[in-house]
Protein backbone atom coordinates (compact mmCIF):
# COMPACT_ATOMS: atom_id res chain seq x y z
CA MET A 1 267.09 133.88 113.42
CA ALA A 2 265.71 132.14 110.32
CA GLU A 3 265.00 134.29 107.40
CA ARG A 4 261.34 134.69 106.48
CA GLU A 5 260.00 135.47 102.98
CA LEU A 6 256.93 137.66 102.52
CA THR A 7 255.25 137.53 99.08
CA ILE A 8 252.73 140.19 97.94
CA ARG A 9 250.87 139.35 94.81
CA ILE A 10 248.75 142.15 93.26
CA THR A 11 246.91 141.93 89.93
CA LEU A 12 245.37 145.21 88.76
CA ASP A 13 243.94 146.25 85.38
CA SER A 14 243.15 150.00 85.28
CA GLN A 15 244.67 153.23 84.54
CA GLY A 16 246.71 154.52 87.47
CA VAL A 17 248.03 151.06 88.19
CA VAL A 18 251.52 152.01 87.22
CA SER A 19 251.46 154.78 89.70
CA GLY A 20 250.18 152.42 92.38
CA LEU A 21 252.89 149.85 91.75
CA GLU A 22 255.54 152.58 91.65
CA GLN A 23 254.50 153.53 95.12
CA ILE A 24 254.83 149.89 96.20
CA ASP A 25 258.26 149.68 94.63
CA ASP A 26 259.40 152.80 96.64
CA LYS A 27 258.19 151.24 99.83
CA LEU A 28 260.10 148.01 99.04
CA LYS A 29 263.26 149.92 98.49
CA ALA A 30 262.68 151.87 101.72
CA THR A 31 262.20 148.60 103.50
CA LYS A 32 265.36 147.18 102.27
CA GLU A 33 267.37 150.29 103.19
CA SER A 34 265.78 150.24 106.65
CA SER A 35 266.68 146.55 107.05
CA ASP A 36 270.30 147.13 105.93
CA ASP A 37 270.55 150.26 108.17
CA ALA A 38 269.17 148.30 111.11
CA ASN A 39 271.72 145.53 110.71
CA LYS A 40 274.57 148.04 110.26
CA GLY A 41 273.52 150.15 113.12
CA GLY A 42 274.10 147.60 115.80
CA PHE A 43 270.46 146.46 116.13
CA SER A 44 269.82 143.09 117.51
CA PRO A 45 268.23 140.53 115.18
CA LEU A 46 264.93 141.06 116.89
CA GLN A 47 265.08 144.77 116.67
CA ALA A 48 266.02 144.56 113.00
CA SER A 49 263.15 142.26 112.43
CA LEU A 50 260.70 144.69 113.99
CA VAL A 51 262.00 147.54 111.94
CA THR A 52 261.53 145.59 108.83
CA LEU A 53 258.12 144.28 109.80
CA ASP A 54 256.80 147.84 110.38
CA ALA A 55 257.93 148.80 106.97
CA THR A 56 256.41 145.69 105.41
CA ILE A 57 253.09 146.52 107.03
CA ASN A 58 253.30 149.95 105.28
CA ILE A 59 253.75 148.10 102.04
CA VAL A 60 250.67 146.06 102.40
CA LYS A 61 248.80 149.12 103.24
CA THR A 62 249.98 150.82 100.14
CA ALA A 63 249.22 147.73 98.10
CA PHE A 64 245.60 147.61 99.26
CA SER A 65 245.13 151.24 98.69
CA ALA A 66 246.39 150.97 94.97
CA LEU A 67 244.02 148.03 94.55
CA SER A 68 240.99 149.88 95.98
CA THR A 69 241.87 152.90 93.72
CA ALA A 70 242.13 150.66 90.68
CA PHE A 71 238.76 148.94 91.25
CA SER A 72 237.15 152.30 91.78
CA SER A 73 238.61 153.78 88.53
CA VAL A 74 237.39 150.63 86.64
CA ALA A 75 233.83 150.87 88.00
CA GLU A 76 233.72 154.61 87.25
CA ALA A 77 235.01 153.96 83.63
CA PHE A 78 232.41 151.32 82.97
CA SER A 79 229.64 153.65 84.35
CA ARG A 80 230.87 156.51 82.32
CA GLY A 81 231.08 154.46 79.21
CA ALA A 82 227.52 153.10 79.67
CA GLU A 83 226.19 156.66 80.13
CA VAL A 84 227.88 157.98 77.09
CA ASN A 85 226.53 155.09 74.89
CA ASP A 86 223.00 155.69 76.30
CA VAL A 87 223.17 159.40 75.59
CA ALA A 88 224.48 158.78 72.19
CA ASP A 89 221.78 156.33 71.34
CA ALA A 90 219.05 158.57 72.70
CA PHE A 91 220.47 161.53 70.78
CA GLY A 92 220.48 159.58 67.60
CA LYS A 93 216.77 158.48 68.03
CA LEU A 94 215.77 162.15 68.87
CA SER A 95 217.54 163.32 65.62
CA GLU A 96 215.79 160.61 63.54
CA GLN A 97 212.34 161.63 65.02
CA ALA A 98 213.19 165.26 63.88
CA GLY A 99 213.80 164.11 60.36
CA THR A 100 217.63 164.72 60.61
CA THR A 101 220.73 162.89 61.60
CA ALA A 102 222.71 163.04 64.97
CA ASN A 103 225.75 164.62 63.25
CA VAL A 104 223.70 167.37 61.47
CA PHE A 105 221.74 168.09 64.77
CA LEU A 106 224.92 168.25 66.68
CA ASP A 107 226.63 170.48 64.20
CA GLN A 108 223.65 172.86 64.43
CA LEU A 109 223.89 172.92 68.20
CA ASN A 110 227.70 173.54 68.07
CA ALA A 111 227.05 176.33 65.61
CA ALA A 112 224.27 177.83 67.95
CA THR A 113 226.44 177.74 70.98
CA GLY A 114 229.81 178.68 69.38
CA GLU A 115 231.21 175.40 70.48
CA THR A 116 231.35 176.61 74.01
CA ILE A 117 229.63 173.47 75.35
CA ASN A 118 231.02 169.95 74.96
CA ASN A 119 229.09 167.59 72.68
CA PHE A 120 228.13 165.20 75.49
CA GLU A 121 226.69 167.93 77.60
CA LEU A 122 224.82 169.30 74.60
CA GLN A 123 223.34 165.99 73.56
CA LYS A 124 222.17 165.52 77.28
CA ALA A 125 220.57 168.87 77.33
CA ALA A 126 218.68 168.39 74.12
CA ILE A 127 217.49 164.97 75.25
CA GLU A 128 216.25 166.49 78.57
CA ALA A 129 214.69 169.38 76.65
CA ALA A 130 212.82 166.98 74.33
CA ARG A 131 211.47 165.10 77.36
CA THR A 132 210.01 168.35 78.77
CA GLY A 133 208.48 169.43 75.40
CA ALA A 134 211.10 171.23 73.34
CA ASP A 135 211.58 169.95 69.88
CA PRO A 136 215.03 170.10 68.18
CA LYS A 137 214.31 173.27 66.30
CA GLU A 138 213.00 175.12 69.47
CA PHE A 139 216.12 173.72 71.31
CA ILE A 140 218.37 175.23 68.68
CA GLU A 141 216.65 178.53 69.22
CA LEU A 142 217.16 178.31 73.04
CA ALA A 143 220.82 177.47 72.52
CA SER A 144 221.40 180.50 70.22
CA ALA A 145 219.69 182.66 72.85
CA ALA A 146 221.88 181.14 75.53
CA ARG A 147 225.07 181.97 73.62
CA ALA A 148 223.68 185.58 73.09
CA LEU A 149 222.97 185.97 76.80
CA ALA A 150 226.38 184.61 77.73
CA GLU A 151 227.97 187.04 75.36
CA GLN A 152 226.06 189.97 76.65
CA THR A 153 226.49 189.25 80.31
CA GLY A 154 229.87 187.68 80.27
CA GLY A 155 228.51 184.56 81.77
CA ASP A 156 228.48 180.92 80.82
CA THR A 157 226.61 179.54 77.83
CA LYS A 158 225.79 176.14 79.55
CA GLU A 159 224.43 178.05 82.61
CA ALA A 160 222.22 180.23 80.34
CA LEU A 161 220.99 177.30 78.46
CA ASP A 162 220.02 175.55 81.59
CA GLN A 163 218.19 178.51 82.80
CA LEU A 164 216.28 178.84 79.42
CA SER A 165 215.49 175.22 79.35
CA GLN A 166 214.20 175.37 82.95
CA ALA A 167 211.95 178.22 82.15
CA PHE A 168 210.74 176.54 79.01
CA GLU A 169 209.86 173.43 80.92
CA THR A 170 207.94 175.23 83.72
CA GLY A 171 206.60 178.37 81.97
CA ASN A 172 208.09 180.43 84.88
CA VAL A 173 209.91 183.33 83.13
CA ARG A 174 210.69 185.45 86.29
CA ALA A 175 214.34 184.45 86.32
CA LEU A 176 214.62 185.51 82.53
CA GLN A 177 212.79 188.81 82.54
CA ASN A 178 215.78 191.02 83.24
CA LYS A 179 218.17 189.01 81.12
CA LEU A 180 216.21 187.95 77.95
CA GLY A 181 214.30 191.17 77.73
CA VAL A 182 210.59 191.57 77.41
CA ILE A 183 208.82 188.15 77.71
CA ASP A 184 205.31 188.98 77.02
CA VAL A 185 203.43 185.95 78.46
CA GLU A 186 200.13 187.79 78.67
CA ALA A 187 200.03 188.49 74.86
CA ALA A 188 200.92 184.88 74.20
CA GLU A 189 198.14 183.73 76.47
CA ASN A 190 195.60 186.01 74.81
CA ALA A 191 196.70 184.78 71.31
CA LEU A 192 196.43 181.11 72.38
CA ALA A 193 192.96 181.85 74.00
CA ARG A 194 191.69 183.34 70.83
CA GLN A 195 192.92 180.39 68.83
CA LEU A 196 191.13 177.99 71.07
CA GLY A 197 187.90 180.09 71.18
CA ILE A 198 188.12 180.61 74.89
CA THR A 199 189.14 183.57 77.19
CA ARG A 200 192.64 183.98 78.71
CA GLU A 201 191.31 183.11 82.15
CA GLU A 202 190.04 179.85 80.91
CA LEU A 203 193.40 178.61 79.89
CA SER A 204 194.42 175.37 81.57
CA LYS A 205 197.79 175.12 83.37
CA GLU A 206 199.09 173.26 80.21
CA GLY A 207 197.88 176.02 78.14
CA GLN A 208 199.57 178.78 80.34
CA VAL A 209 202.86 176.75 80.10
CA GLN A 210 202.50 176.55 76.21
CA ALA A 211 201.86 180.19 75.96
CA ALA A 212 204.86 180.98 78.08
CA ARG A 213 207.05 178.82 75.83
CA THR A 214 205.83 180.83 72.87
CA ALA A 215 206.77 183.97 74.56
CA ILE A 216 210.17 182.64 75.60
CA LEU A 217 210.87 181.41 72.05
CA GLU A 218 209.92 184.98 70.78
CA ALA A 219 212.17 186.67 73.27
CA SER A 220 214.91 184.22 72.45
CA ARG A 221 214.69 185.07 68.70
CA ALA A 222 214.74 188.83 69.53
CA LYS A 223 217.76 188.54 71.69
CA THR A 224 219.79 186.47 69.13
CA ALA A 225 218.90 189.00 66.43
CA GLU A 226 219.77 191.95 68.72
CA LEU A 227 223.34 190.69 69.06
CA GLY A 228 223.73 189.25 65.58
CA THR A 229 226.68 187.16 64.67
CA ILE A 230 229.03 186.43 67.74
CA THR A 231 232.62 185.67 67.18
CA ALA A 232 234.67 183.59 69.65
CA ASP A 233 237.00 185.58 71.83
CA ALA A 234 239.55 185.03 74.59
CA GLY A 235 236.76 184.97 77.17
CA ASP A 236 235.05 182.03 75.74
CA ASN A 237 235.52 178.55 77.10
CA ILE A 238 235.68 176.55 73.78
CA ALA A 239 234.64 172.95 74.31
């Protein structure tokens, strides 16, 4: 039977390609061994060809699997890179609007959280908080309170910050009452109503949310002051 040559050409450009090619190389070696064993074991030429063909099909499957994984990795890398750049740009603009620089603002956030949240997540959280109404100074106070809550409860700073940010956005403090301490929304509403020259009952929904935010910030400052300086320990996940 005439010998036939099968050529598989694969061009990849991504991390993980080496691993994929190593798999193909292993398959090629196994195919050669299968072919040799088939010929030595008394197989007819047709049987030996079938054994080799089956192994070759496995090589092709492995090659396409490696190619698919590589393309997926490249797409994810581009998407991740674009997201990182977008966040960095937005964080820089937010810092400028607050009269500071991105590096200074980020350093303040790292100090507030004890470096327990990575920079990328911190930047995203600050941008989202600004979108919902928290200025950089207020977000730093929320971040400090989140660190205090995590220390007190043995929880995660990022989760605590997410809870605080959510409450700050909506004005709903129910989830924080037993964690942050007394959040006197009624007193804050009365104070805002007096400032506006109306009764508490006449406050709009926006006014109620604003009062709740004031109460949250006051409770946050109290919680941070209560625990004082927090030092990193073995239980902290340092970003």
